[in-house]
């Protein structure tokens, strides 16, 4: 019963990731695309924790999720900095 709840939460989270993917691809501005990419990364971290709960190996998946969250944060900061320096963050 407990694993089914985690499975349904994971499926719902995957659906929400598809909505963020739509914003990331078809966003009207670069800022919308960056926010979509960041939202996908944040939801992926939660999805990794849920997968760890399903497989009953939370300790291993927490380490993976933390590393992924750090990489996602650094990538979004680097992309934001790049588009700010290029003056293309608000112009499109």
PDB file of N, CA and C in Angstrom:
ATOM      1  N   UNK A   1       0.823  -1.195   0.000  1.00  0.00           N
ATOM      2  CA  UNK A   1       0.000   0.000   0.000  1.00  0.00           C
ATOM      3  C   UNK A   1       0.869   1.262   0.000  1.00  0.00           C
ATOM      4  N   UNK A   2       1.905   1.245   0.835  1.00  0.00           N
ATOM      5  CA  UNK A   2       2.783   2.404   0.942  1.00  0.00           C
ATOM      6  C   UNK A   2       3.533   2.671  -0.362  1.00  0.00           C
ATOM      7  N   UNK A   3       3.987   1.595  -1.009  1.00  0.00           N
ATOM      8  CA  UNK A   3       4.722   1.765  -2.256  1.00  0.00           C
ATOM      9  C   UNK A   3       3.816   2.254  -3.378  1.00  0.00           C
ATOM     10  N   UNK A   4       2.538   1.909  -3.334  1.00  0.00           N
ATOM     11  CA  UNK A   4       1.616   2.395  -4.358  1.00  0.00           C
ATOM     12  C   UNK A   4       1.423   3.899  -4.236  1.00  0.00           C
ATOM     13  N   UNK A   5       1.389   4.400  -3.018  1.00  0.00           N
ATOM     14  CA  UNK A   5       1.257   5.849  -2.829  1.00  0.00           C
ATOM     15  C   UNK A   5       2.473   6.559  -3.409  1.00  0.00           C
ATOM     16  N   UNK A   6       3.667   6.033  -3.134  1.00  0.00           N
ATOM     17  CA  UNK A   6       4.875   6.639  -3.681  1.00  0.00           C
ATOM     18  C   UNK A   6       4.887   6.550  -5.205  1.00  0.00           C
ATOM     19  N   UNK A   7       4.391   5.449  -5.748  1.00  0.00           N
ATOM     20  CA  UNK A   7       4.346   5.277  -7.194  1.00  0.00           C
ATOM     21  C   UNK A   7       3.392   6.279  -7.836  1.00  0.00           C
ATOM     22  N   UNK A   8       2.212   6.470  -7.242  1.00  0.00           N
ATOM     23  CA  UNK A   8       1.258   7.433  -7.797  1.00  0.00           C
ATOM     24  C   UNK A   8       1.769   8.864  -7.662  1.00  0.00           C
ATOM     25  N   UNK A   9       2.434   9.154  -6.570  1.00  0.00           N
ATOM     26  CA  UNK A   9       3.048  10.484  -6.420  1.00  0.00           C
ATOM     27  C   UNK A   9       4.127  10.702  -7.471  1.00  0.00           C
ATOM     28  N   UNK A  10       4.895   9.667  -7.757  1.00  0.00           N
ATOM     29  CA  UNK A  10       5.938   9.766  -8.779  1.00  0.00           C
ATOM     30  C   UNK A  10       5.344   9.989 -10.166  1.00  0.00           C
ATOM     31  N   UNK A  11       4.256   9.306 -10.455  1.00  0.00           N
ATOM     32  CA  UNK A  11       3.600   9.496 -11.750  1.00  0.00           C
ATOM     33  C   UNK A  11       3.023  10.897 -11.882  1.00  0.00           C
ATOM     34  N   UNK A  12       2.418  11.406 -10.818  1.00  0.00           N
ATOM     35  CA  UNK A  12       1.883  12.763 -10.841  1.00  0.00           C
ATOM     36  C   UNK A  12       3.010  13.784 -10.992  1.00  0.00           C
ATOM     37  N   UNK A  13       4.117  13.556 -10.318  1.00  0.00           N
ATOM     38  CA  UNK A  13       5.264  14.447 -10.429  1.00  0.00           C
ATOM     39  C   UNK A  13       5.847  14.422 -11.841  1.00  0.00           C
ATOM     40  N   UNK A  14       5.833  13.262 -12.471  1.00  0.00           N
ATOM     41  CA  UNK A  14       6.300  13.163 -13.858  1.00  0.00           C
ATOM     42  C   UNK A  14       5.392  13.956 -14.794  1.00  0.00           C
ATOM     43  N   UNK A  15       4.096  13.926 -14.525  1.00  0.00           N
ATOM     44  CA  UNK A  15       3.167  14.737 -15.321  1.00  0.00           C
ATOM     45  C   UNK A  15       3.456  16.220 -15.144  1.00  0.00           C
ATOM     46  N   UNK A  16       3.733  16.639 -13.918  1.00  0.00           N
ATOM     47  CA  UNK A  16       4.081  18.040 -13.679  1.00  0.00           C
ATOM     48  C   UNK A  16       5.392  18.415 -14.368  1.00  0.00           C
ATOM     49  N   UNK A  17       6.301  17.455 -14.470  1.00  0.00           N
ATOM     50  CA  UNK A  17       7.557  17.722 -15.181  1.00  0.00           C
ATOM     51  C   UNK A  17       7.304  17.939 -16.672  1.00  0.00           C
ATOM     52  N   UNK A  18       6.316  17.251 -17.221  1.00  0.00           N
ATOM     53  CA  UNK A  18       5.964  17.467 -18.628  1.00  0.00           C
ATOM     54  C   UNK A  18       5.430  18.882 -18.840  1.00  0.00           C
ATOM     55  N   UNK A  19       4.657  19.394 -17.881  1.00  0.00           N
ATOM     56  CA  UNK A  19       4.180  20.769 -17.993  1.00  0.00           C
ATOM     57  C   UNK A  19       5.340  21.765 -17.938  1.00  0.00           C
ATOM     58  N   UNK A  20       6.308  21.492 -17.074  1.00  0.00           N
ATOM     59  CA  UNK A  20       7.487  22.361 -17.006  1.00  0.00           C
ATOM     60  C   UNK A  20       8.329  22.243 -18.268  1.00  0.00           C
ATOM     61  N   UNK A  21       8.345  21.057 -18.858  1.00  0.00           N
ATOM     62  CA  UNK A  21       9.067  20.872 -20.118  1.00  0.00           C
ATOM     63  C   UNK A  21       8.442  21.703 -21.232  1.00  0.00           C
ATOM     64  N   UNK A  22       7.126  21.773 -21.236  1.00  0.00           N
ATOM     65  CA  UNK A  22       6.440  22.616 -22.227  1.00  0.00           C
ATOM     66  C   UNK A  22       6.875  24.070 -22.068  1.00  0.00           C
ATOM     67  N   UNK A  23       6.929  24.552 -20.823  1.00  0.00           N
ATOM     68  CA  UNK A  23       7.358  25.938 -20.582  1.00  0.00           C
ATOM     69  C   UNK A  23       8.826  26.113 -20.949  1.00  0.00           C
ATOM     70  N   UNK A  24       9.620  25.092 -20.732  1.00  0.00           N
ATOM     71  CA  UNK A  24      11.036  25.183 -21.064  1.00  0.00           C
ATOM     72  C   UNK A  24      11.295  25.211 -22.560  1.00  0.00           C
ATOM     73  N   UNK A  25      10.452  24.562 -23.323  1.00  0.00           N
ATOM     74  CA  UNK A  25      10.656  24.528 -24.779  1.00  0.00           C
ATOM     75  C   UNK A  25       9.980  25.707 -25.467  1.00  0.00           C
ATOM     76  N   UNK A  26       8.735  25.965 -25.113  1.00  0.00           N
ATOM     77  CA  UNK A  26       7.953  26.976 -25.825  1.00  0.00           C
ATOM     78  C   UNK A  26       7.805  28.278 -25.055  1.00  0.00           C
ATOM     79  N   UNK A  27       8.683  28.509 -24.085  1.00  0.00           N
ATOM     80  CA  UNK A  27       8.604  29.738 -23.302  1.00  0.00           C
ATOM     81  C   UNK A  27       8.810  30.955 -24.187  1.00  0.00           C
ATOM     82  N   UNK A  28       8.030  32.010 -23.970  1.00  0.00           N
ATOM     83  CA  UNK A  28       8.182  33.181 -24.839  1.00  0.00           C
ATOM     84  C   UNK A  28       9.503  33.921 -24.633  1.00  0.00           C
ATOM     85  N   UNK A  29      10.098  33.823 -23.457  1.00  0.00           N
ATOM     86  CA  UNK A  29      11.365  34.520 -23.212  1.00  0.00           C
ATOM     87  C   UNK A  29      12.408  33.526 -22.708  1.00  0.00           C
ATOM     88  N   UNK A  30      13.637  33.975 -22.700  1.00  0.00           N
ATOM     89  CA  UNK A  30      14.732  33.157 -22.183  1.00  0.00           C
ATOM     90  C   UNK A  30      14.541  32.907 -20.692  1.00  0.00           C
ATOM     91  N   UNK A  31      14.031  33.890 -19.974  1.00  0.00           N
ATOM     92  CA  UNK A  31      13.806  33.740 -18.545  1.00  0.00           C
ATOM     93  C   UNK A  31      12.779  32.638 -18.260  1.00  0.00           C
ATOM     94  N   UNK A  32      11.728  32.553 -19.074  1.00  0.00           N
ATOM     95  CA  UNK A  32      10.749  31.476 -18.912  1.00  0.00           C
ATOM     96  C   UNK A  32      11.383  30.116 -19.164  1.00  0.00           C
ATOM     97  N   UNK A  33      12.274  30.040 -20.117  1.00  0.00           N
ATOM     98  CA  UNK A  33      12.950  28.768 -20.401  1.00  0.00           C
ATOM     99  C   UNK A  33      13.869  28.366 -19.250  1.00  0.00           C
ATOM    100  N   UNK A  34      14.560  29.344 -18.670  1.00  0.00           N
ATOM    101  CA  UNK A  34      15.418  29.048 -17.517  1.00  0.00           C
ATOM    102  C   UNK A  34      14.600  28.585 -16.315  1.00  0.00           C
ATOM    103  N   UNK A  35      13.470  29.212 -16.081  1.00  0.00           N
ATOM    104  CA  UNK A  35      12.614  28.819 -14.969  1.00  0.00           C
ATOM    105  C   UNK A  35      12.054  27.423 -15.211  1.00  0.00           C
ATOM    106  N   UNK A  36      11.693  27.121 -16.459  1.00  0.00           N
ATOM    107  CA  UNK A  36      11.216  25.777 -16.783  1.00  0.00           C
ATOM    108  C   UNK A  36      12.282  24.726 -16.546  1.00  0.00           C
ATOM    109  N   UNK A  37      13.510  25.023 -16.934  1.00  0.00           N
ATOM    110  CA  UNK A  37      14.609  24.076 -16.717  1.00  0.00           C
ATOM    111  C   UNK A  37      14.888  23.895 -15.227  1.00  0.00           C
ATOM    112  N   UNK A  38      14.833  24.983 -14.479  1.00  0.00           N
ATOM    113  CA  UNK A  38      15.051  24.888 -13.033  1.00  0.00           C
ATOM    114  C   UNK A  38      13.930  24.094 -12.362  1.00  0.00           C
ATOM    115  N   UNK A  39      12.707  24.275 -12.811  1.00  0.00           N
ATOM    116  CA  UNK A  39      11.583  23.526 -12.233  1.00  0.00           C
ATOM    117  C   UNK A  39      11.713  22.037 -12.524  1.00  0.00           C
ATOM    118  N   UNK A  40      12.163  21.690 -13.714  1.00  0.00           N
ATOM    119  CA  UNK A  40      12.376  20.279 -14.042  1.00  0.00           C
ATOM    120  C   UNK A  40      13.446  19.684 -13.132  1.00  0.00           C
ATOM    121  N   UNK A  41      14.518  20.428 -12.913  1.00  0.00           N
ATOM    122  CA  UNK A  41      15.582  19.943 -12.038  1.00  0.00           C
ATOM    123  C   UNK A  41      15.127  19.768 -10.603  1.00  0.00           C
ATOM    124  N   UNK A  42      14.321  20.692 -10.109  1.00  0.00           N
ATOM    125  CA  UNK A  42      13.823  20.581  -8.734  1.00  0.00           C
ATOM    126  C   UNK A  42      12.883  19.393  -8.577  1.00  0.00           C
ATOM    127  N   UNK A  43      12.036  19.193  -9.562  1.00  0.00           N
ATOM    128  CA  UNK A  43      11.117  18.048  -9.508  1.00  0.00           C
ATOM    129  C   UNK A  43      11.872  16.728  -9.665  1.00  0.00           C
ATOM    130  N   UNK A  44      12.972  16.746 -10.385  1.00  0.00           N
ATOM    131  CA  UNK A  44      13.778  15.538 -10.525  1.00  0.00           C
ATOM    132  C   UNK A  44      14.395  15.134  -9.194  1.00  0.00           C
ATOM    133  N   UNK A  45      14.795  16.108  -8.399  1.00  0.00           N
ATOM    134  CA  UNK A  45      15.351  15.811  -7.078  1.00  0.00           C
ATOM    135  C   UNK A  45      14.302  15.113  -6.214  1.00  0.00           C
ATOM    136  N   UNK A  46      13.089  15.620  -6.218  1.00  0.00           N
ATOM    137  CA  UNK A  46      12.015  14.999  -5.438  1.00  0.00           C
ATOM    138  C   UNK A  46      11.690  13.615  -5.991  1.00  0.00           C
ATOM    139  N   UNK A  47      11.716  13.478  -7.302  1.00  0.00           N
ATOM    140  CA  UNK A  47      11.456  12.176  -7.920  1.00  0.00           C
ATOM    141  C   UNK A  47      12.516  11.151  -7.533  1.00  0.00           C
ATOM    142  N   UNK A  48      13.764  11.566  -7.443  1.00  0.00           N
ATOM    143  CA  UNK A  48      14.824  10.655  -7.003  1.00  0.00           C
ATOM    144  C   UNK A  48      14.598  10.187  -5.565  1.00  0.00           C
ATOM    145  N   UNK A  49      14.142  11.086  -4.705  1.00  0.00           N
ATOM    146  CA  UNK A  49      13.851  10.693  -3.324  1.00  0.00           C
ATOM    147  C   UNK A  49      12.684   9.702  -3.295  1.00  0.00           C
ATOM    148  N   UNK A  50      11.664   9.942  -4.108  1.00  0.00           N
ATOM    149  CA  UNK A  50      10.534   9.010  -4.153  1.00  0.00           C
ATOM    150  C   UNK A  50      10.957   7.644  -4.686  1.00  0.00           C
ATOM    151  N   UNK A  51      11.845   7.622  -5.649  1.00  0.00           N
ATOM    152  CA  UNK A  51      12.355   6.342  -6.158  1.00  0.00           C
ATOM    153  C   UNK A  51      13.125   5.625  -5.054  1.00  0.00           C
ATOM    154  N   UNK A  52      13.879   6.379  -4.265  1.00  0.00           N
ATOM    155  CA  UNK A  52      14.576   5.778  -3.140  1.00  0.00           C
ATOM    156  C   UNK A  52      13.620   5.192  -2.117  1.00  0.00           C
ATOM    157  N   UNK A  53      12.486   5.847  -1.911  1.00  0.00           N
ATOM    158  CA  UNK A  53      11.485   5.303  -0.993  1.00  0.00           C
ATOM    159  C   UNK A  53      10.838   4.041  -1.556  1.00  0.00           C
ATOM    160  N   UNK A  54      10.628   4.002  -2.854  1.00  0.00           N
ATOM    161  CA  UNK A  54      10.030   2.812  -3.477  1.00  0.00           C
ATOM    162  C   UNK A  54      10.970   1.618  -3.349  1.00  0.00           C
ATOM    163  N   UNK A  55      12.260   1.827  -3.616  1.00  0.00           N
ATOM    164  CA  UNK A  55      13.237   0.729  -3.546  1.00  0.00           C
ATOM    165  C   UNK A  55      13.790   0.494  -2.143  1.00  0.00           C
ATOM    166  N   UNK A  56      13.335   1.307  -1.172  1.00  0.00           N
ATOM    167  CA  UNK A  56      13.792   1.223   0.215  1.00  0.00           C
ATOM    168  C   UNK A  56      15.303   1.391   0.342  1.00  0.00           C
ATOM    169  N   UNK A  57      15.862   2.282  -0.467  1.00  0.00           N
ATOM    170  CA  UNK A  57      17.293   2.636  -0.420  1.00  0.00           C
ATOM    171  C   UNK A  57      17.422   4.158  -0.418  1.00  0.00           C
ATOM    172  N   UNK A  58      16.781   4.791   0.546  1.00  0.00           N
ATOM    173  CA  UNK A  58      16.742   6.249   0.588  1.00  0.00           C
ATOM    174  C   UNK A  58      18.138   6.829   0.757  1.00  0.00           C
ATOM    175  N   UNK A  59      18.998   6.169   1.530  1.00  0.00           N
ATOM    176  CA  UNK A  59      20.328   6.708   1.797  1.00  0.00           C
ATOM    177  C   UNK A  59      21.133   6.901   0.524  1.00  0.00           C
ATOM    178  N   UNK A  60      21.033   5.963  -0.397  1.00  0.00           N
ATOM    179  CA  UNK A  60      21.778   6.067  -1.647  1.00  0.00           C
ATOM    180  C   UNK A  60      21.182   7.152  -2.553  1.00  0.00           C
ATOM    181  N   UNK A  61      19.856   7.205  -2.624  1.00  0.00           N
ATOM    182  CA  UNK A  61      19.215   8.156  -3.527  1.00  0.00           C
ATOM    183  C   UNK A  61      19.270   9.585  -3.011  1.00  0.00           C
ATOM    184  N   UNK A  62      19.402   9.774  -1.704  1.00  0.00           N
ATOM    185  CA  UNK A  62      19.558  11.130  -1.170  1.00  0.00           C
ATOM    186  C   UNK A  62      20.890  11.722  -1.630  1.00  0.00           C
ATOM    187  N   UNK A  63      21.935  10.924  -1.626  1.00  0.00           N
ATOM    188  CA  UNK A  63      23.238  11.404  -2.109  1.00  0.00           C
ATOM    189  C   UNK A  63      23.172  11.787  -3.582  1.00  0.00           C
ATOM    190  N   UNK A  64      22.525  10.960  -4.377  1.00  0.00           N
ATOM    191  CA  UNK A  64      22.381  11.250  -5.808  1.00  0.00           C
ATOM    192  C   UNK A  64      21.550  12.513  -6.007  1.00  0.00           C
ATOM    193  N   UNK A  65      20.461  12.644  -5.238  1.00  0.00           N
ATOM    194  CA  UNK A  65      19.582  13.807  -5.370  1.00  0.00           C
ATOM    195  C   UNK A  65      20.300  15.093  -4.969  1.00  0.00           C
ATOM    196  N   UNK A  66      21.116  15.047  -3.916  1.00  0.00           N
ATOM    197  CA  UNK A  66      21.860  16.239  -3.507  1.00  0.00           C
ATOM    198  C   UNK A  66      22.879  16.655  -4.557  1.00  0.00           C
ATOM    199  N   UNK A  67      23.557  15.685  -5.144  1.00  0.00           N
ATOM    200  CA  UNK A  67      24.519  16.003  -6.195  1.00  0.00           C
ATOM    201  C   UNK A  67      23.805  16.592  -7.409  1.00  0.00           C
ATOM    202  N   UNK A  68      22.668  16.031  -7.761  1.00  0.00           N
ATOM    203  CA  UNK A  68      21.909  16.553  -8.906  1.00  0.00           C
ATOM    204  C   UNK A  68      21.376  17.958  -8.622  1.00  0.00           C
ATOM    205  N   UNK A  69      20.927  18.200  -7.395  1.00  0.00           N
ATOM    206  CA  UNK A  69      20.427  19.528  -7.040  1.00  0.00           C
ATOM    207  C   UNK A  69      21.539  20.566  -7.129  1.00  0.00           C
ATOM    208  N   UNK A  70      22.735  20.198  -6.683  1.00  0.00           N
ATOM    209  CA  UNK A  70      23.860  21.120  -6.759  1.00  0.00           C
ATOM    210  C   UNK A  70      24.220  21.429  -8.214  1.00  0.00           C
ATOM    211  N   UNK A  71      24.256  20.397  -9.045  1.00  0.00           N
ATOM    212  CA  UNK A  71      24.556  20.614 -10.470  1.00  0.00           C
ATOM    213  C   UNK A  71      23.478  21.458 -11.142  1.00  0.00           C
ATOM    214  N   UNK A  72      22.225  21.216 -10.800  1.00  0.00           N
ATOM    215  CA  UNK A  72      21.135  21.994 -11.375  1.00  0.00           C
ATOM    216  C   UNK A  72      21.239  23.458 -10.973  1.00  0.00           C
ATOM    217  N   UNK A  73      21.537  23.706  -9.710  1.00  0.00           N
ATOM    218  CA  UNK A  73      21.670  25.073  -9.223  1.00  0.00           C
ATOM    219  C   UNK A  73      22.815  25.798  -9.918  1.00  0.00           C
ATOM    220  N   UNK A  74      23.955  25.139 -10.043  1.00  0.00           N
ATOM    221  CA  UNK A  74      25.115  25.757 -10.691  1.00  0.00           C
ATOM    222  C   UNK A  74      24.840  26.007 -12.168  1.00  0.00           C
ATOM    223  N   UNK A  75      24.159  25.068 -12.829  1.00  0.00           N
ATOM    224  CA  UNK A  75      23.864  25.235 -14.258  1.00  0.00           C
ATOM    225  C   UNK A  75      22.909  26.403 -14.496  1.00  0.00           C
ATOM    226  N   UNK A  76      21.901  26.552 -13.666  1.00  0.00           N
ATOM    227  CA  UNK A  76      20.960  27.664 -13.831  1.00  0.00           C
ATOM    228  C   UNK A  76      21.642  28.990 -13.520  1.00  0.00           C
ATOM    229  N   UNK A  77      22.503  29.017 -12.504  1.00  0.00           N
ATOM    230  CA  UNK A  77      23.251  30.243 -12.229  1.00  0.00           C
ATOM    231  C   UNK A  77      24.172  30.618 -13.384  1.00  0.00           C
ATOM    232  N   UNK A  78      24.847  29.630 -13.952  1.00  0.00           N
ATOM    233  CA  UNK A  78      25.750  29.902 -15.065  1.00  0.00           C
ATOM    234  C   UNK A  78      24.975  30.393 -16.287  1.00  0.00           C
ATOM    235  N   UNK A  79      23.843  29.778 -16.574  1.00  0.00           N
ATOM    236  CA  UNK A  79      23.047  30.218 -17.721  1.00  0.00           C
ATOM    237  C   UNK A  79      22.482  31.611 -17.490  1.00  0.00           C
ATOM    238  N   UNK A  80      22.043  31.900 -16.273  1.00  0.00           N
ATOM    239  CA  UNK A  80      21.531  33.235 -15.960  1.00  0.00           C
ATOM    240  C   UNK A  80      22.616  34.288 -16.115  1.00  0.00           C
ATOM    241  N   UNK A  81      23.779  33.957 -15.615  1.00  0.00           N
ATOM    242  CA  UNK A  81      24.907  34.895 -15.721  1.00  0.00           C
ATOM    243  C   UNK A  81      25.287  35.137 -17.185  1.00  0.00           C
ATOM    244  N   UNK A  82      25.280  34.073 -17.971  1.00  0.00           N
ATOM    245  CA  UNK A  82      25.623  34.190 -19.382  1.00  0.00           C
ATOM    246  C   UNK A  82      24.634  35.091 -20.119  1.00  0.00           C
ATOM    247  N   UNK A  83      23.347  34.858 -19.901  1.00  0.00           N
ATOM    248  CA  UNK A  83      22.350  35.662 -20.611  1.00  0.00           C
ATOM    249  C   UNK A  83      22.289  37.084 -20.082  1.00  0.00           C
ATOM    250  N   UNK A  84      22.629  37.288 -18.820  1.00  0.00           N
ATOM    251  CA  UNK A  84      22.677  38.647 -18.294  1.00  0.00           C
ATOM    252  C   UNK A  84      23.838  39.407 -18.918  1.00  0.00           C
ATOM    253  N   UNK A  85      24.998  38.764 -19.038  1.00  0.00           N
ATOM    254  CA  UNK A  85      26.161  39.425 -19.641  1.00  0.00           C
ATOM    255  C   UNK A  85      25.930  39.688 -21.129  1.00  0.00           C
ATOM    256  N   UNK A  86      25.182  38.797 -21.759  1.00  0.00           N
ATOM    257  CA  UNK A  86      24.923  38.926 -23.188  1.00  0.00           C
ATOM    258  C   UNK A  86      23.799  39.915 -23.463  1.00  0.00           C
ATOM    259  N   UNK A  87      23.129  40.381 -22.433  1.00  0.00           N
ATOM    260  CA  UNK A  87      21.982  41.286 -22.525  1.00  0.00           C
ATOM    261  C   UNK A  87      20.823  40.642 -23.279  1.00  0.00           C
ATOM    262  N   UNK A  88      20.688  39.337 -23.156  1.00  0.00           N
ATOM    263  CA  UNK A  88      19.589  38.660 -23.838  1.00  0.00           C
ATOM    264  C   UNK A  88      18.584  38.076 -22.886  1.00  0.00           C
ATOM    265  N   UNK A  89      18.677  38.426 -21.611  1.00  0.00           N
ATOM    266  CA  UNK A  89      17.774  37.834 -20.642  1.00  0.00           C
ATOM    267  C   UNK A  89      16.366  38.384 -20.789  1.00  0.00           C
ATOM    268  N   UNK A  90      16.223  39.647 -21.084  1.00  0.00           N
ATOM    269  CA  UNK A  90      14.904  40.256 -21.182  1.00  0.00           C
ATOM    270  C   UNK A  90      14.524  40.590 -22.615  1.00  0.00           C
ATOM    271  N   UNK A  91      15.470  40.596 -23.518  1.00  0.00           N
ATOM    272  CA  UNK A  91      15.175  40.927 -24.910  1.00  0.00           C
ATOM    273  C   UNK A  91      15.041  39.646 -25.710  1.00  0.00           C
ATOM    274  N   UNK A  92      13.972  39.575 -26.485  1.00  0.00           N
ATOM    275  CA  UNK A  92      13.837  38.415 -27.383  1.00  0.00           C
ATOM    276  C   UNK A  92      12.955  38.781 -28.552  1.00  0.00           C
TER     277      UNK A  92
END
